[in-house]
Protein backbone atom coordinates (compact mmCIF):
# COMPACT_ATOMS: atom_id res chain seq x y z
CA MET A 1 -8.13 18.02 -8.71
CA ARG A 2 -5.47 17.44 -6.07
CA LYS A 3 -6.25 18.24 -2.44
CA ASP A 4 -4.11 18.31 0.68
CA VAL A 5 -3.35 15.01 2.33
CA LEU A 6 -3.03 15.35 6.08
CA SER A 7 -1.47 12.20 7.49
CA LYS A 8 -1.70 10.89 11.02
CA LEU A 9 0.85 8.16 10.76
CA GLY A 10 1.01 5.52 13.49
CA ALA A 11 4.14 3.44 13.66
CA CYS A 12 3.30 0.45 15.83
CA LEU A 13 6.20 -0.81 17.92
CA LEU A 14 6.43 -4.36 19.19
CA ILE A 15 5.79 -2.99 22.69
CA GLY A 16 2.54 -1.46 21.46
CA SER A 17 3.33 2.27 21.53
CA PHE A 18 2.32 4.66 18.76
CA ALA A 19 3.73 7.82 17.21
CA PHE A 20 1.96 10.34 15.00
CA MET A 21 2.99 13.04 12.53
CA SER A 22 1.33 15.16 9.86
CA LEU A 23 2.26 15.61 6.21
CA ALA A 24 1.00 17.64 3.29
CA SER A 25 0.27 16.24 -0.15
CA GLY A 26 3.36 15.63 -2.22
CA SER A 27 5.71 15.80 0.74
CA SER A 28 7.58 12.99 2.41
CA GLY A 29 8.61 12.30 5.96
CA THR A 30 10.65 9.74 7.78
CA LYS A 31 9.47 7.93 10.90
CA GLU A 32 12.06 6.09 12.95
CA THR A 33 11.19 4.33 16.19
CA ASP A 34 13.49 4.44 19.18
CA SER A 35 15.99 1.64 19.47
CA ILE A 36 15.04 -0.79 22.25
CA THR A 37 18.02 -2.17 24.14
CA VAL A 38 17.64 -5.20 26.41
CA LYS A 39 20.41 -6.21 28.81
CA ASP A 40 20.99 -9.89 29.38
CA GLY A 41 22.94 -11.68 32.13
CA GLY A 42 26.35 -10.63 30.83
CA ASN A 43 29.23 -12.10 28.85
CA ASP A 44 31.74 -14.66 30.06
CA ASP A 45 34.33 -11.91 30.55
CA GLY A 46 32.06 -10.12 32.99
CA THR A 47 31.05 -7.30 30.64
CA GLN A 48 27.39 -6.47 30.07
CA ALA A 49 25.92 -7.71 26.77
CA THR A 50 23.18 -5.80 24.99
CA THR A 51 20.59 -6.83 22.42
CA THR A 52 18.95 -4.29 20.14
CA GLU A 53 15.43 -5.04 18.98
CA PRO A 54 14.58 -4.52 15.28
CA ARG A 55 13.55 -0.97 14.45
CA ILE A 56 10.69 0.25 12.29
CA GLU A 57 12.04 2.82 9.86
CA TYR A 58 10.09 4.04 6.87
CA GLU A 59 9.50 7.06 4.68
CA ILE A 60 6.32 8.26 3.01
CA THR A 61 7.63 8.72 -0.50
CA HIS A 62 4.40 9.60 -2.28
CA THR A 63 0.82 10.64 -1.56
CA THR A 64 -2.06 10.80 -4.04
CA PHE A 65 -5.55 12.11 -3.41
CA THR A 66 -7.94 13.05 -6.19
CA HIS A 67 -11.72 13.28 -6.33
CA TYR A 68 -13.98 13.68 -9.32
CA THR A 69 -17.51 13.17 -10.62
CA ASN A 70 -17.67 9.83 -12.42
CA SER A 71 -19.65 8.68 -15.45
CA ILE A 72 -22.78 7.95 -13.39
CA ASN A 73 -22.66 11.36 -11.71
CA ARG A 74 -21.36 10.08 -8.38
CA GLU A 75 -18.51 11.75 -6.51
CA GLU A 76 -15.57 9.35 -6.23
CA TYR A 77 -12.07 9.53 -4.76
CA CYS A 78 -8.69 7.84 -5.19
CA GLY A 79 -6.27 7.76 -2.26
CA ILE A 80 -2.75 6.23 -2.29
CA ILE A 81 0.06 6.33 0.28
CA GLU A 82 3.45 4.95 -0.77
CA ILE A 83 5.64 3.60 2.04
CA THR A 84 9.37 2.95 1.57
CA ASN A 85 11.20 0.74 4.06
CA THR A 86 14.29 2.79 4.87
CA GLY A 87 15.56 0.53 7.64
CA SER A 88 17.28 -2.82 7.86
CA SER A 89 14.31 -4.79 9.25
CA TYR A 90 11.43 -6.44 7.41
CA ILE A 91 8.25 -4.48 8.12
CA TYR A 92 4.57 -5.37 7.91
CA LEU A 93 1.84 -3.06 6.62
CA GLY A 94 -0.95 -3.41 9.17
CA SER A 95 -4.39 -1.84 9.28
CA CYS A 96 -5.29 1.48 7.65
CA THR A 97 -8.24 3.86 7.73
CA PHE A 98 -8.90 6.71 5.30
CA ASP A 99 -10.85 9.57 6.90
CA LEU A 100 -12.21 12.31 4.67
CA GLU A 101 -12.29 15.67 6.43
CA ASP A 102 -13.19 19.19 5.32
CA ASP A 103 -10.81 22.13 5.63
CA SER A 104 -11.99 22.74 9.21
CA GLY A 105 -11.13 19.18 10.27
CA HIS A 106 -14.77 18.07 10.38
CA LEU A 107 -15.16 14.35 9.61
CA LEU A 108 -17.12 13.75 6.41
CA GLN A 109 -16.77 9.96 6.22
CA ALA A 110 -14.46 7.12 7.26
CA ASP A 111 -13.33 4.16 5.14
CA SER A 112 -11.72 1.26 6.97
CA MET A 113 -11.56 -1.14 4.00
CA VAL A 114 -8.21 0.19 2.79
CA THR A 115 -5.90 -2.28 1.04
CA GLY A 116 -2.24 -2.57 1.96
CA SER A 117 0.12 -4.40 -0.40
CA PRO A 118 2.62 -5.94 -0.47
CA ASP A 119 2.01 -7.06 3.11
CA VAL A 120 5.72 -7.25 3.98
CA LEU A 121 8.50 -4.97 2.76
CA ALA A 122 12.16 -5.92 2.67
CA PRO A 123 14.70 -3.15 3.30
CA GLY A 124 14.50 -0.66 0.42
CA GLU A 125 11.16 -1.93 -0.91
CA LYS A 126 8.00 0.09 -1.46
CA GLY A 127 4.42 -0.76 -0.46
CA TYR A 128 1.07 0.93 -0.77
CA PHE A 129 -2.08 1.73 1.19
CA PHE A 130 -4.77 2.48 -1.38
CA ASN A 131 -8.50 2.78 -1.90
CA ASN A 132 -10.93 3.93 -4.58
CA GLY A 133 -14.36 4.70 -3.18
CA TYR A 134 -17.50 6.76 -3.41
CA ILE A 135 -17.97 9.91 -1.39
CA ASP A 136 -21.28 9.42 0.39
CA GLU A 137 -24.30 11.09 -1.15
CA GLY A 138 -25.34 14.10 0.91
CA VAL A 139 -21.77 14.93 1.93
CA SER A 140 -21.08 18.60 1.23
CA LEU A 141 -17.73 19.43 -0.34
CA ASP A 142 -18.27 23.19 -0.11
CA ASN A 143 -15.62 23.46 2.62
CA GLY A 144 -13.11 21.25 0.80
CA VAL A 145 -12.18 17.61 1.25
CA ASN A 146 -8.90 16.16 2.56
CA LEU A 147 -7.58 12.65 3.04
CA VAL A 148 -6.43 11.79 6.58
CA PRO A 149 -4.94 8.27 6.69
CA THR A 150 -4.17 6.48 9.94
CA PHE A 151 -2.18 3.26 9.73
CA THR A 152 0.00 0.86 11.67
CA ILE A 153 3.35 -0.60 10.69
CA GLU A 154 4.92 -3.49 12.58
CA ILE A 155 8.03 -5.62 12.52
CA ALA A 156 7.37 -8.71 10.37
CA LYS A 157 7.68 -11.57 12.84
CA LYS A 158 8.94 -14.04 10.23
CA GLY A 159 11.43 -11.62 8.71
CA LYS A 160 12.60 -12.48 5.22
CA ASP A 161 10.70 -15.79 5.40
CA ALA A 162 7.48 -13.76 5.24
CA ILE A 163 8.16 -12.87 1.59
CA VAL A 164 7.25 -15.23 -1.25
CA ASP A 165 7.43 -13.65 -4.71
CA TYR A 166 6.00 -15.14 -7.89
CA PRO A 167 7.47 -14.25 -11.32
CA VAL A 168 5.20 -12.41 -13.78
CA SER A 169 5.58 -12.42 -17.56
CA ASP A 170 3.86 -11.63 -20.86
CA LEU A 171 2.53 -8.29 -19.56
CA ASP A 172 0.30 -6.04 -21.66
CA ILE A 173 -1.71 -2.90 -20.96
CA ARG A 174 -4.72 -1.39 -22.75
CA ASP A 175 -7.75 0.77 -22.09
CA ASN A 176 -10.93 -0.77 -20.75
CA ASP A 177 -14.03 -0.60 -22.91
CA TYR A 178 -16.12 2.58 -22.74
CA GLY A 179 -13.23 4.61 -21.37
CA MET A 180 -13.50 3.17 -17.87
CA GLY A 181 -9.95 2.81 -16.61
CA ILE A 182 -7.27 0.44 -17.86
CA LYS A 183 -6.50 -3.26 -17.93
CA VAL A 184 -3.26 -5.21 -17.44
CA THR A 185 -2.99 -8.83 -18.53
CA GLY A 186 -0.16 -11.24 -17.87
CA ARG A 187 0.94 -14.59 -16.52
CA VAL A 188 2.14 -15.56 -13.07
CA THR A 189 4.23 -18.63 -12.24
CA ASN A 190 4.02 -20.59 -9.02
CA ASN A 191 7.72 -21.28 -8.48
CA THR A 192 7.15 -23.11 -5.19
CA ASP A 193 6.40 -26.77 -4.42
CA GLU A 194 2.96 -25.96 -2.98
CA GLU A 195 -0.32 -25.06 -4.67
CA ILE A 196 -1.47 -21.44 -4.54
CA SER A 197 -5.12 -21.04 -3.59
CA LEU A 198 -7.25 -17.98 -4.28
CA THR A 199 -6.30 -16.09 -1.11
CA ASP A 200 -2.64 -17.10 -0.92
CA ALA A 201 -1.32 -14.27 -3.09
CA MET A 202 -2.16 -10.81 -4.42
CA ILE A 203 -1.06 -9.23 -7.69
CA ILE A 204 -0.96 -5.44 -7.84
CA ALA A 205 -0.25 -2.98 -10.64
CA VAL A 206 0.99 0.53 -9.86
CA PHE A 207 0.55 3.12 -12.61
CA PHE A 208 2.82 6.17 -13.01
CA ASP A 209 2.65 9.28 -15.18
CA ALA A 210 5.59 10.84 -17.01
CA ASP A 211 6.66 12.72 -13.86
CA GLY A 212 6.70 9.57 -11.74
CA GLU A 213 3.48 10.49 -9.93
CA ILE A 214 1.25 7.56 -8.96
CA LEU A 215 -2.05 7.66 -10.82
CA ASP A 216 -3.76 4.54 -9.50
CA VAL A 217 -3.22 1.06 -8.06
CA GLY A 218 -5.17 -1.99 -9.20
CA TYR A 219 -5.13 -5.53 -7.89
CA THR A 220 -6.42 -9.04 -8.30
CA TYR A 221 -6.09 -12.48 -6.73
CA PRO A 222 -4.76 -15.34 -8.87
CA SER A 223 -6.78 -18.49 -9.35
CA SER A 224 -5.52 -21.74 -7.86
CA ILE A 225 -2.13 -22.57 -9.39
CA GLY A 226 -0.41 -25.90 -8.97
CA ALA A 227 3.22 -26.16 -7.93
CA GLY A 228 5.45 -25.18 -10.86
CA ALA A 229 2.48 -24.16 -13.03
CA THR A 230 1.74 -20.85 -14.77
CA SER A 231 -1.64 -19.12 -14.95
CA SER A 232 -3.02 -16.00 -16.58
CA PHE A 233 -4.35 -12.97 -14.70
CA GLU A 234 -6.11 -9.70 -15.43
CA ILE A 235 -6.08 -6.49 -13.40
CA SER A 236 -8.78 -3.98 -14.25
CA THR A 237 -9.24 -0.49 -12.79
CA ILE A 238 -12.86 -0.30 -13.94
CA PHE A 239 -13.75 0.45 -10.31
CA GLY A 240 -10.72 2.69 -9.91
CA ASN A 241 -9.87 6.14 -11.21
CA GLU A 242 -11.84 6.62 -14.43
CA ASN A 243 -9.55 9.48 -15.45
CA VAL A 244 -6.58 7.15 -15.86
CA SER A 245 -5.97 5.75 -19.35
CA THR A 246 -3.05 4.52 -21.40
CA SER A 247 -2.65 8.08 -22.71
CA ASN A 248 -1.41 9.32 -19.33
CA VAL A 249 0.28 6.15 -18.04
CA ALA A 250 4.00 6.34 -18.82
CA ASP A 251 5.05 3.30 -16.80
CA TYR A 252 3.66 0.62 -14.53
CA THR A 253 4.94 -1.99 -12.11
CA VAL A 254 3.38 -5.38 -11.40
CA ILE A 255 4.11 -7.22 -8.13
CA ALA A 256 2.92 -10.76 -7.33
CA ARG A 257 3.59 -11.71 -3.71
CA GLY A 258 2.20 -14.20 -1.24
CA LYS A 259 -0.26 -12.94 1.37
CA TYR A 260 1.08 -12.77 4.90
CA PHE A 261 -0.56 -12.33 8.29
CA ASN A 262 1.65 -11.15 11.14
CA TRP A 263 0.49 -13.71 13.71
């Protein structure tokens, strides 16, 4: 069942400051950083010139948090935060932690291995922080369980040059064997003049129900692909939300983009 998602959202400015806000599940909020104006030595006509630094502007356009008892009688959860870049700058999805808290705010467990993808978002694009994980044995859920994500978003230092997209084709979707999630197969083309190695790109699939709600996110890394070559891939949610199947997936999106580190 759906639980509240309480979000402590940290927008990381280039100068290293942070801002926080809280949201409830299903709601959205916009975070805009202050414009930073730097005065230089002046123009030739004697007037003062100004330079405005890029701003981090984004909106949380979707939150998903479900937990359930899986087929091996373990308690499992699925958490997804959708970020939309509402500004004019290219932004980078940094680190993210998912804390699980009860209704009193008591920490039940913390997961720092949260995936963010795509790494860089152009203006208007959407990205995702997501994780499917076990709730630790011995954790009591008698007082409820809530997802509290904390994340950083930065200006992408390379701007539009940070984005390398790879075309996907021949997509198909079907249920995994034994009713354990779903599987997407397809092909990805390396349309660059350099070989793609295993860690150079990530392919994600985002699954939606008939109301546009996000059910799950799966991902994989492509094998090495030579320049101009095409290779097959498979994304399985066998370790994702077991309750998702082709019967409740109305649509899905597949994104293949190069990995980027904001160094």
